Amino acid sequence: MTHTAVGWHVELEFMEDDQRTRAAAMVRLPDGTEVRAHGHANRHHTDANQPRVGEEIAGARALNELALQMLTKAHGEIDDASGRTSHAIHI
């Protein structure tokens, strides 16, 4: 049995102000393909200003969207290779 080590480079960047946090996620695959997604979080005016919490929420939403795009990409590749429609892959 042969084992191959493969790595993906994932970047996550944030833009913030007093009320909103936006996250941009990008994964670079070994074939050079880049998949990008975004997430956001809004602070309620009565909540304390906790930038780390906004980053966690916005980042998680961006990564979740990135995961959904990767699943869609995988479905397309399965379908293209097999010539049939694949079953849904769930997270």
N, C-alpha and C. Protein backbone atom coordinates (compact mmCIF):
# COMPACT_ATOMS: atom_id res chain seq x y z
N MET A 1 0.85 -1.18 0.00
CA MET A 1 0.00 0.00 0.00
C MET A 1 0.89 1.24 0.00
N THR A 2 0.60 2.18 -0.88
CA THR A 2 1.36 3.42 -0.98
C THR A 2 0.59 4.54 -0.29
N HIS A 3 1.30 5.32 0.51
CA HIS A 3 0.70 6.48 1.17
C HIS A 3 1.29 7.74 0.56
N THR A 4 0.43 8.68 0.28
CA THR A 4 0.85 9.95 -0.29
C THR A 4 0.43 11.07 0.64
N ALA A 5 1.36 11.92 0.99
CA ALA A 5 1.04 13.09 1.82
C ALA A 5 0.63 14.24 0.91
N VAL A 6 -0.52 14.80 1.19
CA VAL A 6 -1.04 15.93 0.42
C VAL A 6 -1.41 17.02 1.41
N GLY A 7 -1.14 18.25 1.06
CA GLY A 7 -1.52 19.37 1.93
C GLY A 7 -2.31 20.40 1.16
N TRP A 8 -3.19 21.05 1.85
CA TRP A 8 -3.96 22.16 1.29
C TRP A 8 -3.57 23.41 2.06
N HIS A 9 -3.43 24.50 1.35
CA HIS A 9 -3.13 25.77 1.99
C HIS A 9 -4.45 26.54 2.13
N VAL A 10 -4.84 26.86 3.36
CA VAL A 10 -6.08 27.58 3.63
C VAL A 10 -5.73 28.95 4.22
N GLU A 11 -6.34 30.00 3.68
CA GLU A 11 -6.15 31.35 4.22
C GLU A 11 -7.49 31.88 4.71
N LEU A 12 -7.43 32.61 5.82
CA LEU A 12 -8.62 33.23 6.39
C LEU A 12 -8.24 34.65 6.77
N GLU A 13 -8.96 35.63 6.21
CA GLU A 13 -8.69 37.04 6.49
C GLU A 13 -9.97 37.70 7.00
N PHE A 14 -9.79 38.71 7.85
CA PHE A 14 -10.92 39.40 8.46
C PHE A 14 -10.86 40.89 8.22
N MET A 15 -12.05 41.50 8.06
CA MET A 15 -12.22 42.95 8.02
C MET A 15 -13.27 43.27 9.07
N GLU A 16 -12.95 44.23 9.94
CA GLU A 16 -13.85 44.51 11.06
C GLU A 16 -14.08 46.00 11.24
N ASP A 17 -15.26 46.33 11.76
CA ASP A 17 -15.51 47.65 12.32
C ASP A 17 -16.21 47.42 13.65
N ASP A 18 -16.80 48.44 14.23
CA ASP A 18 -17.41 48.29 15.56
C ASP A 18 -18.62 47.37 15.57
N GLN A 19 -19.28 47.19 14.44
CA GLN A 19 -20.53 46.43 14.40
C GLN A 19 -20.45 45.14 13.59
N ARG A 20 -19.54 45.07 12.62
CA ARG A 20 -19.53 43.95 11.69
C ARG A 20 -18.14 43.33 11.57
N THR A 21 -18.15 42.04 11.32
CA THR A 21 -16.92 41.32 10.98
C THR A 21 -17.19 40.53 9.71
N ARG A 22 -16.30 40.67 8.75
CA ARG A 22 -16.39 39.90 7.51
C ARG A 22 -15.16 39.02 7.41
N ALA A 23 -15.37 37.79 6.95
CA ALA A 23 -14.27 36.86 6.77
C ALA A 23 -14.22 36.41 5.33
N ALA A 24 -13.01 36.27 4.81
CA ALA A 24 -12.79 35.72 3.48
C ALA A 24 -11.91 34.49 3.65
N ALA A 25 -12.39 33.36 3.14
CA ALA A 25 -11.64 32.10 3.22
C ALA A 25 -11.27 31.66 1.82
N MET A 26 -10.09 31.07 1.71
CA MET A 26 -9.64 30.57 0.42
C MET A 26 -8.80 29.33 0.66
N VAL A 27 -9.06 28.29 -0.12
CA VAL A 27 -8.23 27.09 -0.09
C VAL A 27 -7.58 26.93 -1.45
N ARG A 28 -6.28 26.66 -1.41
CA ARG A 28 -5.53 26.43 -2.65
C ARG A 28 -5.23 24.94 -2.72
N LEU A 29 -5.74 24.30 -3.77
CA LEU A 29 -5.58 22.86 -3.95
C LEU A 29 -4.29 22.55 -4.70
N PRO A 30 -3.81 21.32 -4.58
CA PRO A 30 -2.54 20.96 -5.24
C PRO A 30 -2.51 21.19 -6.74
N ASP A 31 -3.67 21.17 -7.41
CA ASP A 31 -3.70 21.40 -8.86
C ASP A 31 -3.72 22.89 -9.22
N GLY A 32 -3.63 23.76 -8.20
CA GLY A 32 -3.63 25.20 -8.44
C GLY A 32 -4.99 25.85 -8.35
N THR A 33 -6.04 25.04 -8.25
CA THR A 33 -7.40 25.57 -8.12
C THR A 33 -7.54 26.31 -6.79
N GLU A 34 -8.22 27.44 -6.82
CA GLU A 34 -8.53 28.18 -5.60
C GLU A 34 -10.04 28.24 -5.44
N VAL A 35 -10.53 27.93 -4.25
CA VAL A 35 -11.95 28.02 -3.93
C VAL A 35 -12.08 29.08 -2.84
N ARG A 36 -12.99 30.02 -3.04
CA ARG A 36 -13.15 31.16 -2.11
C ARG A 36 -14.57 31.22 -1.56
N ALA A 37 -14.67 31.70 -0.33
CA ALA A 37 -15.98 31.86 0.31
C ALA A 37 -15.91 33.01 1.31
N HIS A 38 -17.08 33.49 1.71
CA HIS A 38 -17.16 34.61 2.65
C HIS A 38 -18.14 34.29 3.77
N GLY A 39 -17.94 34.91 4.90
CA GLY A 39 -18.85 34.80 6.03
C GLY A 39 -18.91 36.15 6.73
N HIS A 40 -19.92 36.32 7.56
CA HIS A 40 -20.05 37.60 8.26
C HIS A 40 -20.65 37.39 9.65
N ALA A 41 -20.47 38.38 10.48
CA ALA A 41 -21.10 38.41 11.80
C ALA A 41 -21.45 39.87 12.10
N ASN A 42 -22.58 40.07 12.75
CA ASN A 42 -23.02 41.40 13.16
C ASN A 42 -23.17 41.43 14.67
N ARG A 43 -22.62 42.46 15.30
CA ARG A 43 -22.74 42.61 16.75
C ARG A 43 -24.01 43.37 17.07
N HIS A 44 -24.80 42.80 17.98
CA HIS A 44 -25.99 43.50 18.45
C HIS A 44 -25.53 44.70 19.28
N HIS A 45 -26.22 45.82 19.18
CA HIS A 45 -25.77 47.05 19.83
C HIS A 45 -25.68 46.93 21.35
N THR A 46 -26.37 45.97 21.94
CA THR A 46 -26.29 45.81 23.40
C THR A 46 -25.17 44.85 23.84
N ASP A 47 -24.54 44.16 22.88
CA ASP A 47 -23.46 43.24 23.21
C ASP A 47 -22.14 43.98 23.39
N ALA A 48 -21.27 43.43 24.23
CA ALA A 48 -19.94 43.99 24.40
C ALA A 48 -19.15 43.83 23.11
N ASN A 49 -18.23 44.75 22.86
CA ASN A 49 -17.39 44.67 21.67
C ASN A 49 -16.30 43.62 21.90
N GLN A 50 -16.49 42.44 21.29
CA GLN A 50 -15.56 41.32 21.43
C GLN A 50 -15.13 40.88 20.02
N PRO A 51 -14.12 41.52 19.46
CA PRO A 51 -13.73 41.21 18.08
C PRO A 51 -13.43 39.72 17.85
N ARG A 52 -12.84 39.04 18.82
CA ARG A 52 -12.51 37.63 18.65
C ARG A 52 -13.76 36.80 18.41
N VAL A 53 -14.85 37.11 19.09
CA VAL A 53 -16.10 36.37 18.91
C VAL A 53 -16.64 36.60 17.50
N GLY A 54 -16.59 37.83 17.03
CA GLY A 54 -17.03 38.12 15.66
C GLY A 54 -16.19 37.38 14.64
N GLU A 55 -14.87 37.30 14.90
CA GLU A 55 -14.00 36.55 13.99
C GLU A 55 -14.34 35.07 13.98
N GLU A 56 -14.61 34.53 15.16
CA GLU A 56 -14.96 33.10 15.22
C GLU A 56 -16.24 32.80 14.45
N ILE A 57 -17.24 33.65 14.61
CA ILE A 57 -18.52 33.42 13.92
C ILE A 57 -18.36 33.62 12.42
N ALA A 58 -17.78 34.74 12.02
CA ALA A 58 -17.60 35.02 10.59
C ALA A 58 -16.69 33.98 9.95
N GLY A 59 -15.62 33.61 10.65
CA GLY A 59 -14.70 32.60 10.13
C GLY A 59 -15.36 31.25 9.96
N ALA A 60 -16.15 30.85 10.96
CA ALA A 60 -16.85 29.56 10.88
C ALA A 60 -17.84 29.56 9.71
N ARG A 61 -18.52 30.67 9.51
CA ARG A 61 -19.47 30.74 8.39
C ARG A 61 -18.75 30.69 7.04
N ALA A 62 -17.60 31.33 6.94
CA ALA A 62 -16.83 31.29 5.70
C ALA A 62 -16.31 29.87 5.45
N LEU A 63 -15.81 29.22 6.49
CA LEU A 63 -15.31 27.86 6.32
C LEU A 63 -16.43 26.89 5.99
N ASN A 64 -17.61 27.10 6.56
CA ASN A 64 -18.76 26.26 6.24
C ASN A 64 -19.14 26.41 4.76
N GLU A 65 -19.16 27.63 4.28
CA GLU A 65 -19.45 27.88 2.86
C GLU A 65 -18.37 27.26 1.98
N LEU A 66 -17.12 27.35 2.42
CA LEU A 66 -16.02 26.74 1.68
C LEU A 66 -16.21 25.23 1.61
N ALA A 67 -16.61 24.61 2.72
CA ALA A 67 -16.86 23.17 2.75
C ALA A 67 -17.97 22.78 1.78
N LEU A 68 -19.05 23.57 1.74
CA LEU A 68 -20.15 23.27 0.82
C LEU A 68 -19.69 23.38 -0.64
N GLN A 69 -18.86 24.37 -0.93
CA GLN A 69 -18.35 24.50 -2.30
C GLN A 69 -17.44 23.33 -2.66
N MET A 70 -16.65 22.86 -1.71
CA MET A 70 -15.77 21.72 -1.96
C MET A 70 -16.59 20.45 -2.21
N LEU A 71 -17.69 20.27 -1.46
CA LEU A 71 -18.56 19.12 -1.69
C LEU A 71 -19.19 19.18 -3.08
N THR A 72 -19.63 20.36 -3.49
CA THR A 72 -20.21 20.54 -4.82
C THR A 72 -19.17 20.24 -5.90
N LYS A 73 -17.94 20.71 -5.69
CA LYS A 73 -16.85 20.43 -6.62
C LYS A 73 -16.60 18.93 -6.71
N ALA A 74 -16.57 18.25 -5.57
CA ALA A 74 -16.33 16.80 -5.55
C ALA A 74 -17.44 16.06 -6.29
N HIS A 75 -18.70 16.47 -6.07
CA HIS A 75 -19.83 15.86 -6.78
C HIS A 75 -19.64 15.96 -8.28
N GLY A 76 -19.27 17.15 -8.74
CA GLY A 76 -19.08 17.35 -10.17
C GLY A 76 -17.98 16.45 -10.73
N GLU A 77 -16.91 16.30 -9.98
CA GLU A 77 -15.81 15.44 -10.43
C GLU A 77 -16.22 13.97 -10.44
N ILE A 78 -16.98 13.55 -9.42
CA ILE A 78 -17.48 12.16 -9.39
C ILE A 78 -18.39 11.91 -10.59
N ASP A 79 -19.31 12.85 -10.82
CA ASP A 79 -20.26 12.70 -11.92
C ASP A 79 -19.55 12.69 -13.27
N ASP A 80 -18.57 13.59 -13.44
CA ASP A 80 -17.84 13.65 -14.70
C ASP A 80 -17.07 12.34 -14.96
N ALA A 81 -16.48 11.79 -13.93
CA ALA A 81 -15.67 10.57 -14.09
C ALA A 81 -16.52 9.33 -14.30
N SER A 82 -17.72 9.31 -13.68
CA SER A 82 -18.54 8.10 -13.73
C SER A 82 -19.62 8.15 -14.81
N GLY A 83 -19.96 9.36 -15.26
CA GLY A 83 -21.02 9.49 -16.25
C GLY A 83 -22.41 9.32 -15.66
N ARG A 84 -22.51 9.39 -14.35
CA ARG A 84 -23.82 9.29 -13.70
C ARG A 84 -23.90 10.33 -12.58
N THR A 85 -25.08 10.47 -12.00
CA THR A 85 -25.27 11.42 -10.91
C THR A 85 -24.95 10.75 -9.59
N SER A 86 -24.07 11.35 -8.81
CA SER A 86 -23.67 10.78 -7.53
C SER A 86 -24.71 11.08 -6.45
N HIS A 87 -24.65 10.32 -5.38
CA HIS A 87 -25.52 10.56 -4.22
C HIS A 87 -24.98 11.75 -3.42
N ALA A 88 -25.87 12.43 -2.75
CA ALA A 88 -25.48 13.60 -1.98
C ALA A 88 -24.46 13.23 -0.91
N ILE A 89 -23.45 14.10 -0.78
CA ILE A 89 -22.46 13.97 0.29
C ILE A 89 -22.86 14.97 1.35
N HIS A 90 -23.08 14.51 2.57
CA HIS A 90 -23.52 15.40 3.65
C HIS A 90 -22.39 15.67 4.63
N ILE A 91 -22.42 16.83 5.20
CA ILE A 91 -21.46 17.19 6.24
C ILE A 91 -21.95 16.66 7.57
